[in-house]
Amino acid sequence: MRKLGCLGNIVFAGLVVGVFGLSSYFSFRLFVRGKSIQAPDLVGHPLAEARAIASDAGLVLDVDNSKDRNADQIAVGSVAWQNRAPGNYVKRGSRLIVGQSLGPLVLQVPDLDGETPRTALLRFSQRNLKLGDISYVPRSGRGGIIAEDPAKGSIVDAGTGVSLLVAYAPPPPAYVMPDIIDQPFEAVRNIFQSYGLSITNVRYEAYPGIRDGTIIRQYPLNGAPVSGRDAITVVVSHEEQADILEGVTTP
């Protein structure tokens, strides 16, 4: 019986401590809330009106221009941001910091004349624009972007797609490589130059029974496609000494 009495006393003491703790917690919360208010929602209000609302609530309104931002739906000069979320408890007399609206973001299509589509894509991502269609047109001279739609300098909305017209140098004419074995090198070189082809590598070798200055090997081979962009290599006979000008590049 004595043990049961002790146990009952312990349980009773625990209940008393718990009730006291809960009472203290709620009393503290009521005390704090008694000296706190809920932050008002100032977003969208003109600055003068926001100051009046904050003052009536016992708060001090401060404007931080580093927090100003573009806002499509909020008039210029009105509150666009506040540091305390509406409804959060703040102490009376606290500073409520706000940033103002700069109005809608004004986007201009950049000048991309002569730039590459890759550069345009980077510029668009920096300006909240999108890359639209790309069309290519051959044109001699400098390549790159030659037109934009909408045109450069146009005022557009965020996310607008900008289409590009890009010029590129047309490829040189393509020919079928002829068989130039046993032909005189100088004559072949002059003919090739008249067609925009260049023999870039010439190698000289002795070849008994072949006249000096005669082509004895060629690359590309007969029948292969060739253009002004391709390197043409020939081996030319030389009666006196083998390999005397290996790898020489002709003008």
C-alpha atoms as a PDB file:
ATOM      1  CA  MET A   1       0.000   0.000   0.000  1.00  0.00           C
ATOM      2  CA  ARG A   2       2.849   2.339   0.863  1.00  0.00           C
ATOM      3  CA  LYS A   3       4.415   1.681  -2.612  1.00  0.00           C
ATOM      4  CA  LEU A   4       1.126   2.477  -4.341  1.00  0.00           C
ATOM      5  CA  GLY A   5       0.904   5.725  -2.406  1.00  0.00           C
ATOM      6  CA  CYS A   6       4.407   6.741  -3.480  1.00  0.00           C
ATOM      7  CA  LEU A   7       3.640   5.901  -7.095  1.00  0.00           C
ATOM      8  CA  GLY A   8       0.474   7.988  -6.963  1.00  0.00           C
ATOM      9  CA  ASN A   9       2.430  10.924  -5.556  1.00  0.00           C
ATOM     10  CA  ILE A  10       4.968  10.663  -8.382  1.00  0.00           C
ATOM     11  CA  VAL A  11       2.235  10.587 -11.055  1.00  0.00           C
ATOM     12  CA  PHE A  12       0.469  13.523  -9.449  1.00  0.00           C
ATOM     13  CA  ALA A  13       3.720  15.507  -9.318  1.00  0.00           C
ATOM     14  CA  GLY A  14       4.340  14.766 -13.003  1.00  0.00           C
ATOM     15  CA  LEU A  15       0.895  15.957 -13.953  1.00  0.00           C
ATOM     16  CA  VAL A  16       1.397  19.161 -11.995  1.00  0.00           C
ATOM     17  CA  VAL A  17       4.732  19.832 -13.739  1.00  0.00           C
ATOM     18  CA  GLY A  18       3.195  19.115 -17.178  1.00  0.00           C
ATOM     19  CA  VAL A  19       0.228  21.382 -16.596  1.00  0.00           C
ATOM     20  CA  PHE A  20       2.505  24.124 -15.301  1.00  0.00           C
ATOM     21  CA  GLY A  21       4.771  23.789 -18.353  1.00  0.00           C
ATOM     22  CA  LEU A  22       1.887  23.962 -20.813  1.00  0.00           C
ATOM     23  CA  SER A  23       0.415  26.901 -18.965  1.00  0.00           C
ATOM     24  CA  SER A  24       3.748  28.736 -19.094  1.00  0.00           C
ATOM     25  CA  TYR A  25       4.163  28.014 -22.830  1.00  0.00           C
ATOM     26  CA  PHE A  26       0.731  29.309 -23.789  1.00  0.00           C
ATOM     27  CA  SER A  27       1.068  32.296 -21.478  1.00  0.00           C
ATOM     28  CA  PHE A  28       4.371  33.195 -23.163  1.00  0.00           C
ATOM     29  CA  ARG A  29       2.845  32.858 -26.647  1.00  0.00           C
ATOM     30  CA  LEU A  30      -0.073  35.079 -25.644  1.00  0.00           C
ATOM     31  CA  PHE A  31       2.368  37.592 -24.169  1.00  0.00           C
ATOM     32  CA  VAL A  32       4.441  37.652 -27.338  1.00  0.00           C
ATOM     33  CA  ARG A  33       1.421  37.844 -29.603  1.00  0.00           C
ATOM     34  CA  GLY A  34       0.032  40.607 -27.455  1.00  0.00           C
ATOM     35  CA  LYS A  35       3.015  42.730 -28.460  1.00  0.00           C
ATOM     36  CA  SER A  36       3.173  41.464 -32.085  1.00  0.00           C
ATOM     37  CA  ILE A  37       1.055  42.002 -35.149  1.00  0.00           C
ATOM     38  CA  GLN A  38       0.677  40.249 -38.478  1.00  0.00           C
ATOM     39  CA  ALA A  39       2.614  41.825 -41.324  1.00  0.00           C
ATOM     40  CA  PRO A  40       0.237  43.494 -43.771  1.00  0.00           C
ATOM     41  CA  ASP A  41       0.244  42.670 -47.482  1.00  0.00           C
ATOM     42  CA  LEU A  42       1.652  45.781 -49.152  1.00  0.00           C
ATOM     43  CA  VAL A  43       2.424  44.358 -52.601  1.00  0.00           C
ATOM     44  CA  GLY A  44       0.588  46.302 -55.287  1.00  0.00           C
ATOM     45  CA  HIS A  45      -0.088  49.335 -53.096  1.00  0.00           C
ATOM     46  CA  PRO A  46       1.317  52.749 -54.074  1.00  0.00           C
ATOM     47  CA  LEU A  47       4.213  53.722 -51.836  1.00  0.00           C
ATOM     48  CA  ALA A  48       2.331  56.503 -49.996  1.00  0.00           C
ATOM     49  CA  GLU A  49      -0.580  54.154 -49.311  1.00  0.00           C
ATOM     50  CA  ALA A  50       1.799  51.425 -48.143  1.00  0.00           C
ATOM     51  CA  ARG A  51       3.420  53.862 -45.697  1.00  0.00           C
ATOM     52  CA  ALA A  52       0.042  54.716 -44.234  1.00  0.00           C
ATOM     53  CA  ILE A  53      -0.911  51.037 -43.841  1.00  0.00           C
ATOM     54  CA  ALA A  54       2.411  50.240 -42.164  1.00  0.00           C
ATOM     55  CA  SER A  55       2.120  53.252 -39.857  1.00  0.00           C
ATOM     56  CA  ASP A  56      -1.410  52.302 -38.787  1.00  0.00           C
ATOM     57  CA  ALA A  57      -0.082  48.827 -37.926  1.00  0.00           C
ATOM     58  CA  GLY A  58       2.733  50.274 -35.811  1.00  0.00           C
ATOM     59  CA  LEU A  59       5.477  49.459 -38.278  1.00  0.00           C
ATOM     60  CA  VAL A  60       8.178  51.594 -39.899  1.00  0.00           C
ATOM     61  CA  LEU A  61       8.335  51.361 -43.684  1.00  0.00           C
ATOM     62  CA  ASP A  62      11.775  51.534 -45.345  1.00  0.00           C
ATOM     63  CA  VAL A  63      12.399  51.489 -49.103  1.00  0.00           C
ATOM     64  CA  ASP A  64      15.415  49.529 -50.357  1.00  0.00           C
ATOM     65  CA  ASN A  65      15.999  50.410 -54.006  1.00  0.00           C
ATOM     66  CA  SER A  66      18.345  47.426 -54.420  1.00  0.00           C
ATOM     67  CA  LYS A  67      15.190  45.305 -54.091  1.00  0.00           C
ATOM     68  CA  ASP A  68      13.343  47.123 -56.895  1.00  0.00           C
ATOM     69  CA  ARG A  69      12.285  44.776 -59.680  1.00  0.00           C
ATOM     70  CA  ASN A  70      10.353  44.546 -62.913  1.00  0.00           C
ATOM     71  CA  ALA A  71       6.716  43.532 -62.522  1.00  0.00           C
ATOM     72  CA  ASP A  72       4.244  43.228 -65.392  1.00  0.00           C
ATOM     73  CA  GLN A  73       1.104  43.606 -63.278  1.00  0.00           C
ATOM     74  CA  ILE A  74       2.263  46.237 -60.759  1.00  0.00           C
ATOM     75  CA  ALA A  75       2.397  49.954 -61.532  1.00  0.00           C
ATOM     76  CA  VAL A  76       5.741  51.728 -61.456  1.00  0.00           C
ATOM     77  CA  GLY A  77       6.506  53.017 -57.946  1.00  0.00           C
ATOM     78  CA  SER A  78       4.149  50.637 -56.167  1.00  0.00           C
ATOM     79  CA  VAL A  79       5.383  47.963 -53.779  1.00  0.00           C
ATOM     80  CA  ALA A  80       6.611  44.846 -55.611  1.00  0.00           C
ATOM     81  CA  TRP A  81       8.460  43.081 -52.769  1.00  0.00           C
ATOM     82  CA  GLN A  82       8.496  43.052 -48.960  1.00  0.00           C
ATOM     83  CA  ASN A  83      10.877  41.356 -46.585  1.00  0.00           C
ATOM     84  CA  ARG A  84       8.152  40.022 -44.275  1.00  0.00           C
ATOM     85  CA  ALA A  85       5.614  37.652 -45.741  1.00  0.00           C
ATOM     86  CA  PRO A  86       2.036  38.807 -45.200  1.00  0.00           C
ATOM     87  CA  GLY A  87       0.535  37.173 -42.108  1.00  0.00           C
ATOM     88  CA  ASN A  88       3.851  36.557 -40.331  1.00  0.00           C
ATOM     89  CA  TYR A  89       4.071  37.982 -36.812  1.00  0.00           C
ATOM     90  CA  VAL A  90       6.368  40.962 -36.327  1.00  0.00           C
ATOM     91  CA  LYS A  91       6.942  43.177 -33.317  1.00  0.00           C
ATOM     92  CA  ARG A  92       5.356  46.583 -33.257  1.00  0.00           C
ATOM     93  CA  GLY A  93       7.882  49.241 -34.202  1.00  0.00           C
ATOM     94  CA  SER A  94       9.790  46.847 -36.495  1.00  0.00           C
ATOM     95  CA  ARG A  95      11.141  47.942 -39.886  1.00  0.00           C
ATOM     96  CA  LEU A  96       9.255  46.584 -42.861  1.00  0.00           C
ATOM     97  CA  ILE A  97      11.517  46.776 -45.915  1.00  0.00           C
ATOM     98  CA  VAL A  98       9.994  47.016 -49.373  1.00  0.00           C
ATOM     99  CA  GLY A  99      11.163  47.245 -52.996  1.00  0.00           C
ATOM    100  CA  GLN A 100       9.306  49.118 -55.714  1.00  0.00           C
ATOM    101  CA  SER A 101       8.056  48.059 -59.132  1.00  0.00           C
ATOM    102  CA  LEU A 102      10.044  49.164 -62.164  1.00  0.00           C
ATOM    103  CA  GLY A 103       7.130  48.273 -64.419  1.00  0.00           C
ATOM    104  CA  PRO A 104       7.155  45.662 -67.180  1.00  0.00           C
ATOM    105  CA  LEU A 105      10.530  44.477 -68.395  1.00  0.00           C
ATOM    106  CA  VAL A 106      11.327  46.150 -71.720  1.00  0.00           C
ATOM    107  CA  LEU A 107      13.048  43.703 -74.054  1.00  0.00           C
ATOM    108  CA  GLN A 108      14.764  44.694 -77.281  1.00  0.00           C
ATOM    109  CA  VAL A 109      15.907  42.366 -80.030  1.00  0.00           C
ATOM    110  CA  PRO A 110      19.729  42.644 -80.006  1.00  0.00           C
ATOM    111  CA  ASP A 111      21.850  43.585 -83.017  1.00  0.00           C
ATOM    112  CA  LEU A 112      23.302  40.280 -84.224  1.00  0.00           C
ATOM    113  CA  ASP A 113      24.704  41.408 -87.581  1.00  0.00           C
ATOM    114  CA  GLY A 114      27.543  39.073 -88.578  1.00  0.00           C
ATOM    115  CA  GLU A 115      27.198  36.881 -85.475  1.00  0.00           C
ATOM    116  CA  THR A 116      26.770  33.104 -85.497  1.00  0.00           C
ATOM    117  CA  PRO A 117      23.524  31.332 -84.486  1.00  0.00           C
ATOM    118  CA  ARG A 118      25.370  29.952 -81.450  1.00  0.00           C
ATOM    119  CA  THR A 119      26.197  33.475 -80.272  1.00  0.00           C
ATOM    120  CA  ALA A 120      22.594  34.515 -80.909  1.00  0.00           C
ATOM    121  CA  LEU A 121      21.315  31.663 -78.723  1.00  0.00           C
ATOM    122  CA  LEU A 122      23.543  32.830 -75.860  1.00  0.00           C
ATOM    123  CA  ARG A 123      22.399  36.447 -76.234  1.00  0.00           C
ATOM    124  CA  PHE A 124      18.751  35.378 -76.294  1.00  0.00           C
ATOM    125  CA  SER A 125      19.096  33.341 -73.100  1.00  0.00           C
ATOM    126  CA  GLN A 126      20.537  36.404 -71.365  1.00  0.00           C
ATOM    127  CA  ARG A 127      17.550  38.527 -72.440  1.00  0.00           C
ATOM    128  CA  ASN A 128      14.744  36.028 -71.838  1.00  0.00           C
ATOM    129  CA  LEU A 129      14.176  35.563 -75.572  1.00  0.00           C
ATOM    130  CA  LYS A 130      13.979  32.379 -77.627  1.00  0.00           C
ATOM    131  CA  LEU A 131      15.583  31.252 -80.858  1.00  0.00           C
ATOM    132  CA  GLY A 132      13.034  30.898 -83.640  1.00  0.00           C
ATOM    133  CA  ASP A 133      13.528  29.499 -87.129  1.00  0.00           C
ATOM    134  CA  ILE A 134      16.920  29.650 -88.875  1.00  0.00           C
ATOM    135  CA  SER A 135      17.212  30.016 -92.654  1.00  0.00           C
ATOM    136  CA  TYR A 136      20.449  29.928 -94.643  1.00  0.00           C
ATOM    137  CA  VAL A 137      21.335  31.703 -97.848  1.00  0.00           C
ATOM    138  CA  PRO A 138      24.585  31.473 -99.852  1.00  0.00           C
ATOM    139  CA  ARG A 139      26.465  34.749-100.203  1.00  0.00           C
ATOM    140  CA  SER A 140      30.019  35.584-101.129  1.00  0.00           C
ATOM    141  CA  GLY A 141      32.083  37.494 -98.598  1.00  0.00           C
ATOM    142  CA  ARG A 142      31.533  37.521 -94.868  1.00  0.00           C
ATOM    143  CA  GLY A 143      29.018  35.050 -93.467  1.00  0.00           C
ATOM    144  CA  GLY A 144      26.924  35.198 -90.314  1.00  0.00           C
ATOM    145  CA  ILE A 145      23.504  36.605 -89.416  1.00  0.00           C
ATOM    146  CA  ILE A 146      22.234  39.163 -91.928  1.00  0.00           C
ATOM    147  CA  ALA A 147      18.612  39.647 -90.795  1.00  0.00           C
ATOM    148  CA  GLU A 148      16.325  39.080 -87.798  1.00  0.00           C
ATOM    149  CA  ASP A 149      12.575  38.796 -87.395  1.00  0.00           C
ATOM    150  CA  PRO A 150      11.448  40.769 -85.389  1.00  0.00           C
ATOM    151  CA  ALA A 151      14.055  43.267 -86.570  1.00  0.00           C
ATOM    152  CA  LYS A 152      16.932  44.342 -84.309  1.00  0.00           C
ATOM    153  CA  GLY A 153      15.885  47.040 -81.841  1.00  0.00           C
ATOM    154  CA  SER A 154      12.236  45.923 -81.785  1.00  0.00           C
ATOM    155  CA  ILE A 155      10.470  45.973 -78.413  1.00  0.00           C
ATOM    156  CA  VAL A 156       9.139  42.480 -77.698  1.00  0.00           C
ATOM    157  CA  ASP A 157       7.615  40.468 -74.862  1.00  0.00           C
ATOM    158  CA  ALA A 158       9.584  38.031 -72.759  1.00  0.00           C
ATOM    159  CA  GLY A 159       9.884  34.620 -74.387  1.00  0.00           C
ATOM    160  CA  THR A 160       9.466  35.954 -77.925  1.00  0.00           C
ATOM    161  CA  GLY A 161      11.030  33.769 -80.620  1.00  0.00           C
ATOM    162  CA  VAL A 162      13.438  35.561 -82.964  1.00  0.00           C
ATOM    163  CA  SER A 163      14.025  34.017 -86.398  1.00  0.00           C
ATOM    164  CA  LEU A 164      17.373  34.426 -88.155  1.00  0.00           C
ATOM    165  CA  LEU A 165      18.615  34.623 -91.725  1.00  0.00           C
ATOM    166  CA  VAL A 166      22.209  33.410 -91.915  1.00  0.00           C
ATOM    167  CA  ALA A 167      24.576  33.861 -94.865  1.00  0.00           C
ATOM    168  CA  TYR A 168      27.235  31.326 -95.676  1.00  0.00           C
ATOM    169  CA  ALA A 169      29.986  31.180 -98.270  1.00  0.00           C
ATOM    170  CA  PRO A 170      28.923  28.935-101.155  1.00  0.00           C
ATOM    171  CA  PRO A 171      31.156  25.913-101.684  1.00  0.00           C
ATOM    172  CA  PRO A 172      33.661  26.125-104.555  1.00  0.00           C
ATOM    173  CA  PRO A 173      32.785  24.287-107.778  1.00  0.00           C
ATOM    174  CA  ALA A 174      33.462  20.566-107.672  1.00  0.00           C
ATOM    175  CA  TYR A 175      35.162  18.702-110.505  1.00  0.00           C
ATOM    176  CA  VAL A 176      36.150  15.161-111.347  1.00  0.00           C
ATOM    177  CA  MET A 177      39.893  14.656-110.950  1.00  0.00           C
ATOM    178  CA  PRO A 178      41.391  13.901-114.378  1.00  0.00           C
ATOM    179  CA  ASP A 179      44.165  11.461-115.128  1.00  0.00           C
ATOM    180  CA  ILE A 180      47.306  13.626-115.174  1.00  0.00           C
ATOM    181  CA  ILE A 181      49.877  10.807-115.156  1.00  0.00           C
ATOM    182  CA  ASP A 182      52.500  11.263-117.932  1.00  0.00           C
ATOM    183  CA  GLN A 183      51.446  14.915-118.357  1.00  0.00           C
ATOM    184  CA  PRO A 184      53.903  17.838-118.052  1.00  0.00           C
ATOM    185  CA  PHE A 185      53.680  19.320-114.576  1.00  0.00           C
ATOM    186  CA  GLU A 186      53.843  23.036-115.503  1.00  0.00           C
ATOM    187  CA  ALA A 187      51.103  22.715-118.099  1.00  0.00           C
ATOM    188  CA  VAL A 188      48.845  20.849-115.667  1.00  0.00           C
ATOM    189  CA  ARG A 189      49.444  23.399-112.927  1.00  0.00           C
ATOM    190  CA  ASN A 190      48.464  26.295-115.193  1.00  0.00           C
ATOM    191  CA  ILE A 191      45.259  24.544-116.284  1.00  0.00           C
ATOM    192  CA  PHE A 192      44.308  23.695-112.702  1.00  0.00           C
ATOM    193  CA  GLN A 193      44.822  27.294-111.589  1.00  0.00           C
ATOM    194  CA  SER A 194      42.429  28.509-114.283  1.00  0.00           C
ATOM    195  CA  TYR A 195      39.734  26.355-112.644  1.00  0.00           C
ATOM    196  CA  GLY A 196      40.505  27.485-109.099  1.00  0.00           C
ATOM    197  CA  LEU A 197      42.401  24.315-108.224  1.00  0.00           C
ATOM    198  CA  SER A 198      45.805  24.391-106.588  1.00  0.00           C
ATOM    199  CA  ILE A 199      48.544  21.753-106.582  1.00  0.00           C
ATOM    200  CA  THR A 200      49.739  22.300-103.026  1.00  0.00           C
ATOM    201  CA  ASN A 201      52.338  19.552-102.613  1.00  0.00           C
ATOM    202  CA  VAL A 202      54.999  18.604-105.152  1.00  0.00           C
ATOM    203  CA  ARG A 203      57.580  15.846-104.729  1.00  0.00           C
ATOM    204  CA  TYR A 204      60.404  15.127-107.163  1.00  0.00           C
ATOM    205  CA  GLU A 205      61.799  11.631-107.811  1.00  0.00           C
ATOM    206  CA  ALA A 206      64.149  10.085-110.343  1.00  0.00           C
ATOM    207  CA  TYR A 207      62.356   7.726-112.722  1.00  0.00           C
ATOM    208  CA  PRO A 208      64.427   6.108-115.468  1.00  0.00           C
ATOM    209  CA  GLY A 209      62.979   6.437-118.934  1.00  0.00           C
ATOM    210  CA  ILE A 210      60.546   9.254-117.995  1.00  0.00           C
ATOM    211  CA  ARG A 211      61.140  12.762-119.242  1.00  0.00           C
ATOM    212  CA  ASP A 212      62.120  15.341-116.634  1.00  0.00           C
ATOM    213  CA  GLY A 213      59.103  17.348-115.331  1.00  0.00           C
ATOM    214  CA  THR A 214      56.544  14.637-116.050  1.00  0.00           C
ATOM    215  CA  ILE A 215      53.909  13.707-113.456  1.00  0.00           C
ATOM    216  CA  ILE A 216      54.353  10.094-112.374  1.00  0.00           C
ATOM    217  CA  ARG A 217      51.887   9.884-109.431  1.00  0.00           C
ATOM    218  CA  GLN A 218      48.878  11.915-108.303  1.00  0.00           C
ATOM    219  CA  TYR A 219      46.487  12.350-105.393  1.00  0.00           C
ATOM    220  CA  PRO A 220      43.465  12.461-105.486  1.00  0.00           C
ATOM    221  CA  LEU A 221      43.292   9.629-107.977  1.00  0.00           C
ATOM    222  CA  ASN A 222      41.651   9.804-111.347  1.00  0.00           C
ATOM    223  CA  GLY A 223      37.828  10.039-111.034  1.00  0.00           C
ATOM    224  CA  ALA A 224      37.733  11.367-107.461  1.00  0.00           C
ATOM    225  CA  PRO A 225      35.784  14.568-106.701  1.00  0.00           C
ATOM    226  CA  VAL A 226      38.003  17.620-106.189  1.00  0.00           C
ATOM    227  CA  SER A 227      37.469  21.322-105.465  1.00  0.00           C
ATOM    228  CA  GLY A 228      39.444  24.411-104.543  1.00  0.00           C
ATOM    229  CA  ARG A 229      39.345  23.338-100.904  1.00  0.00           C
ATOM    230  CA  ASP A 230      41.180  20.078-101.555  1.00  0.00           C
ATOM    231  CA  ALA A 231      44.937  19.557-101.377  1.00  0.00           C
ATOM    232  CA  ILE A 232      46.326  18.102-104.589  1.00  0.00           C
ATOM    233  CA  THR A 233      49.617  16.242-104.457  1.00  0.00           C
ATOM    234  CA  VAL A 234      51.795  15.137-107.376  1.00  0.00           C
ATOM    235  CA  VAL A 235      55.124  13.343-107.788  1.00  0.00           C
ATOM    236  CA  VAL A 236      57.191  14.700-110.687  1.00  0.00           C
ATOM    237  CA  SER A 237      60.064  12.933-112.430  1.00  0.00           C
ATOM    238  CA  HIS A 238      63.539  14.358-112.120  1.00  0.00           C
ATOM    239  CA  GLU A 239      66.355  12.690-114.030  1.00  0.00           C
ATOM    240  CA  GLU A 240      69.382  13.811-111.997  1.00  0.00           C
ATOM    241  CA  GLN A 241      68.586  13.019-108.329  1.00  0.00           C
ATOM    242  CA  ALA A 242      65.848  11.276-106.406  1.00  0.00           C
ATOM    243  CA  ASP A 243      63.797  12.982-103.648  1.00  0.00           C
ATOM    244  CA  ILE A 244      65.584  16.337-103.897  1.00  0.00           C
ATOM    245  CA  LEU A 245      62.483  18.456-103.183  1.00  0.00           C
ATOM    246  CA  GLU A 246      60.250  16.198-101.139  1.00  0.00           C
ATOM    247  CA  GLY A 247      57.256  17.955 -99.580  1.00  0.00           C
ATOM    248  CA  VAL A 248      57.880  21.353-101.233  1.00  0.00           C
ATOM    249  CA  THR A 249      54.799  23.547-101.447  1.00  0.00           C
ATOM    250  CA  THR A 250      54.405  25.413-104.703  1.00  0.00           C
ATOM    251  CA  PRO A 251      53.157  28.994-104.768  1.00  0.00           C
END
